[in-house]
C-alpha atoms as a PDB file:
ATOM      1  CA  MET A   1    -113.711  72.274 -41.036  1.00  0.00           C
ATOM      2  CA  MET A   2    -113.748  70.283 -37.914  1.00  0.00           C
ATOM      3  CA  THR A   3    -110.644  68.172 -39.045  1.00  0.00           C
ATOM      4  CA  ARG A   4    -108.772  71.316 -39.975  1.00  0.00           C
ATOM      5  CA  LEU A   5    -109.348  72.731 -36.349  1.00  0.00           C
ATOM      6  CA  ILE A   6    -108.290  69.489 -34.914  1.00  0.00           C
ATOM      7  CA  LEU A   7    -105.174  69.358 -37.023  1.00  0.00           C
ATOM      8  CA  ALA A   8    -104.300  72.921 -36.246  1.00  0.00           C
ATOM      9  CA  ALA A   9    -104.671  72.056 -32.519  1.00  0.00           C
ATOM     10  CA  LEU A  10    -102.407  69.243 -32.975  1.00  0.00           C
ATOM     11  CA  VAL A  11     -99.752  71.200 -34.695  1.00  0.00           C
ATOM     12  CA  LEU A  12     -99.976  74.132 -32.323  1.00  0.00           C
ATOM     13  CA  GLY A  13     -99.745  71.676 -29.181  1.00  0.00           C
ATOM     14  CA  ALA A  14     -96.736  69.819 -30.791  1.00  0.00           C
ATOM     15  CA  SER A  15     -94.644  72.936 -31.647  1.00  0.00           C
ATOM     16  CA  ALA A  16     -92.608  73.804 -28.679  1.00  0.00           C
ATOM     17  CA  SER A  17     -89.663  76.152 -28.718  1.00  0.00           C
ATOM     18  CA  ALA A  18     -86.582  75.861 -26.792  1.00  0.00           C
ATOM     19  CA  ALA A  19     -87.907  78.190 -24.068  1.00  0.00           C
ATOM     20  CA  GLN A  20     -90.991  75.966 -23.753  1.00  0.00           C
ATOM     21  CA  SER A  21     -89.115  72.782 -23.272  1.00  0.00           C
ATOM     22  CA  ARG A  22     -87.478  74.432 -20.141  1.00  0.00           C
ATOM     23  CA  ARG A  23     -90.893  75.219 -18.547  1.00  0.00           C
ATOM     24  CA  PRO A  24     -92.178  72.918 -15.953  1.00  0.00           C
ATOM     25  CA  PRO A  25     -94.474  70.127 -17.482  1.00  0.00           C
ATOM     26  CA  LEU A  26     -97.449  71.795 -15.672  1.00  0.00           C
ATOM     27  CA  TYR A  27     -97.500  74.539 -18.249  1.00  0.00           C
ATOM     28  CA  ASP A  28     -96.824  72.094 -21.136  1.00  0.00           C
ATOM     29  CA  PRO A  29     -99.926  70.170 -21.807  1.00  0.00           C
ATOM     30  CA  VAL A  30     -98.384  67.876 -24.325  1.00  0.00           C
ATOM     31  CA  LEU A  31     -95.397  66.903 -22.171  1.00  0.00           C
ATOM     32  CA  LEU A  32     -97.950  66.545 -19.150  1.00  0.00           C
ATOM     33  CA  ASN A  33     -99.973  64.111 -21.057  1.00  0.00           C
ATOM     34  CA  MET A  34     -96.815  62.154 -22.182  1.00  0.00           C
ATOM     35  CA  GLY A  35     -95.650  61.966 -18.615  1.00  0.00           C
ATOM     36  CA  ILE A  36     -98.909  60.807 -17.258  1.00  0.00           C
ATOM     37  CA  VAL A  37     -99.226  58.112 -20.101  1.00  0.00           C
ATOM     38  CA  CYS A  38     -95.730  57.052 -19.453  1.00  0.00           C
ATOM     39  CA  GLN A  39     -95.639  57.361 -15.779  1.00  0.00           C
ATOM     40  CA  TRP A  40     -92.631  59.648 -16.160  1.00  0.00           C
ATOM     41  CA  ASN A  41     -90.515  57.018 -17.654  1.00  0.00           C
ATOM     42  CA  GLU A  42     -87.876  58.996 -19.854  1.00  0.00           C
ATOM     43  CA  ARG A  43     -87.430  56.295 -22.501  1.00  0.00           C
ATOM     44  CA  CYS A  44     -91.331  56.105 -22.908  1.00  0.00           C
ATOM     45  CA  ILE A  45     -91.533  59.841 -23.083  1.00  0.00           C
ATOM     46  CA  GLY A  46     -88.874  59.867 -25.792  1.00  0.00           C
ATOM     47  CA  LYS A  47     -90.705  57.313 -27.820  1.00  0.00           C
ATOM     48  CA  GLN A  48     -93.911  59.353 -27.501  1.00  0.00           C
ATOM     49  CA  LYS A  49     -92.166  62.508 -28.635  1.00  0.00           C
ATOM     50  CA  ARG A  50     -90.671  60.641 -31.715  1.00  0.00           C
ATOM     51  CA  ALA A  51     -94.070  59.123 -32.593  1.00  0.00           C
ATOM     52  CA  MET A  52     -95.778  62.615 -32.233  1.00  0.00           C
ATOM     53  CA  LYS A  53     -93.276  64.185 -34.619  1.00  0.00           C
ATOM     54  CA  SER A  54     -93.455  61.417 -37.075  1.00  0.00           C
ATOM     55  CA  ALA A  55     -97.252  61.440 -37.028  1.00  0.00           C
ATOM     56  CA  LEU A  56     -97.558  65.279 -37.613  1.00  0.00           C
ATOM     57  CA  ASN A  57     -94.912  65.162 -40.280  1.00  0.00           C
ATOM     58  CA  TYR A  58     -96.966  62.400 -42.059  1.00  0.00           C
ATOM     59  CA  LEU A  59    -100.102  64.325 -41.768  1.00  0.00           C
ATOM     60  CA  LYS A  60     -98.453  67.445 -43.241  1.00  0.00           C
ATOM     61  CA  LYS A  61     -96.857  65.405 -45.937  1.00  0.00           C
ATOM     62  CA  ASN A  62     -99.775  63.093 -47.025  1.00  0.00           C
ATOM     63  CA  GLY A  63    -102.909  65.106 -46.278  1.00  0.00           C
ATOM     64  CA  VAL A  64    -104.872  62.491 -44.520  1.00  0.00           C
ATOM     65  CA  ALA A  65    -106.551  64.969 -42.062  1.00  0.00           C
ATOM     66  CA  TRP A  66    -109.686  63.084 -42.305  1.00  0.00           C
ATOM     67  CA  LYS A  67    -108.102  60.178 -40.210  1.00  0.00           C
ATOM     68  CA  VAL A  68    -107.450  62.535 -37.254  1.00  0.00           C
ATOM     69  CA  GLN A  69    -110.916  61.980 -35.877  1.00  0.00           C
ATOM     70  CA  VAL A  70    -110.837  58.181 -36.270  1.00  0.00           C
ATOM     71  CA  CYS A  71    -107.281  57.833 -34.724  1.00  0.00           C
ATOM     72  CA  ASN A  72    -108.013  60.251 -32.024  1.00  0.00           C
ATOM     73  CA  ARG A  73    -110.807  57.814 -30.784  1.00  0.00           C
ATOM     74  CA  ASN A  74    -108.568  54.939 -31.274  1.00  0.00           C
ATOM     75  CA  SER A  75    -105.405  56.293 -29.435  1.00  0.00           C
ATOM     76  CA  ALA A  76    -107.307  57.610 -26.404  1.00  0.00           C
ATOM     77  CA  ARG A  77    -106.322  56.163 -23.106  1.00  0.00           C
ATOM     78  CA  ASN A  78    -108.974  56.685 -20.307  1.00  0.00           C
ATOM     79  CA  GLY A  79    -110.740  59.460 -22.215  1.00  0.00           C
ATOM     80  CA  THR A  80    -108.441  62.470 -22.545  1.00  0.00           C
ATOM     81  CA  ARG A  81    -104.928  60.884 -22.663  1.00  0.00           C
ATOM     82  CA  LYS A  82    -103.349  60.223 -25.981  1.00  0.00           C
ATOM     83  CA  ASP A  83    -100.985  57.495 -26.808  1.00  0.00           C
ATOM     84  CA  TRP A  84     -98.941  59.076 -29.742  1.00  0.00           C
ATOM     85  CA  ILE A  85     -97.440  55.652 -30.634  1.00  0.00           C
ATOM     86  CA  GLY A  86    -100.860  54.237 -31.246  1.00  0.00           C
ATOM     87  CA  PHE A  87    -102.068  57.500 -33.098  1.00  0.00           C
ATOM     88  CA  ASN A  88     -98.869  57.355 -35.311  1.00  0.00           C
ATOM     89  CA  ASN A  89     -99.629  53.640 -36.228  1.00  0.00           C
ATOM     90  CA  CYS A  90    -103.301  54.430 -36.835  1.00  0.00           C
ATOM     91  CA  ILE A  91    -102.467  57.248 -39.040  1.00  0.00           C
ATOM     92  CA  ARG A  92    -100.154  55.312 -41.183  1.00  0.00           C
ATOM     93  CA  ASN A  93    -102.560  52.237 -41.335  1.00  0.00           C
ATOM     94  CA  PRO A  94    -103.648  51.620 -44.967  1.00  0.00           C
ATOM     95  CA  ARG A  95    -106.706  49.579 -44.075  1.00  0.00           C
ATOM     96  CA  ILE A  96    -108.446  52.623 -42.555  1.00  0.00           C
ATOM     97  CA  ARG A  97    -110.645  54.087 -45.205  1.00  0.00           C
ATOM     98  CA  ARG A  98    -113.194  56.825 -45.482  1.00  0.00           C
ATOM     99  CA  ARG A  99    -116.667  55.945 -44.855  1.00  0.00           C
END
């Protein structure tokens, strides 16, 4: 149940319409997080966005929602900041198994 809620939050946070993409980053928590992690470097933010889309598509396709909690802890930077590249790599790592 908890992993479904986390997965739903990830999907809802990642789905941005064209109108949302024009909003200031203050009102877009996903972009704000990426900007802080990347120190507002455009190339880094682009890599983070691609990694986020890739990770979410992989989760939808392969149904490995149980890895979300493990990878969230693994990809955390300074507590609440998420590194999507690290999260994407963790989700795809075959060595991570269920307990």
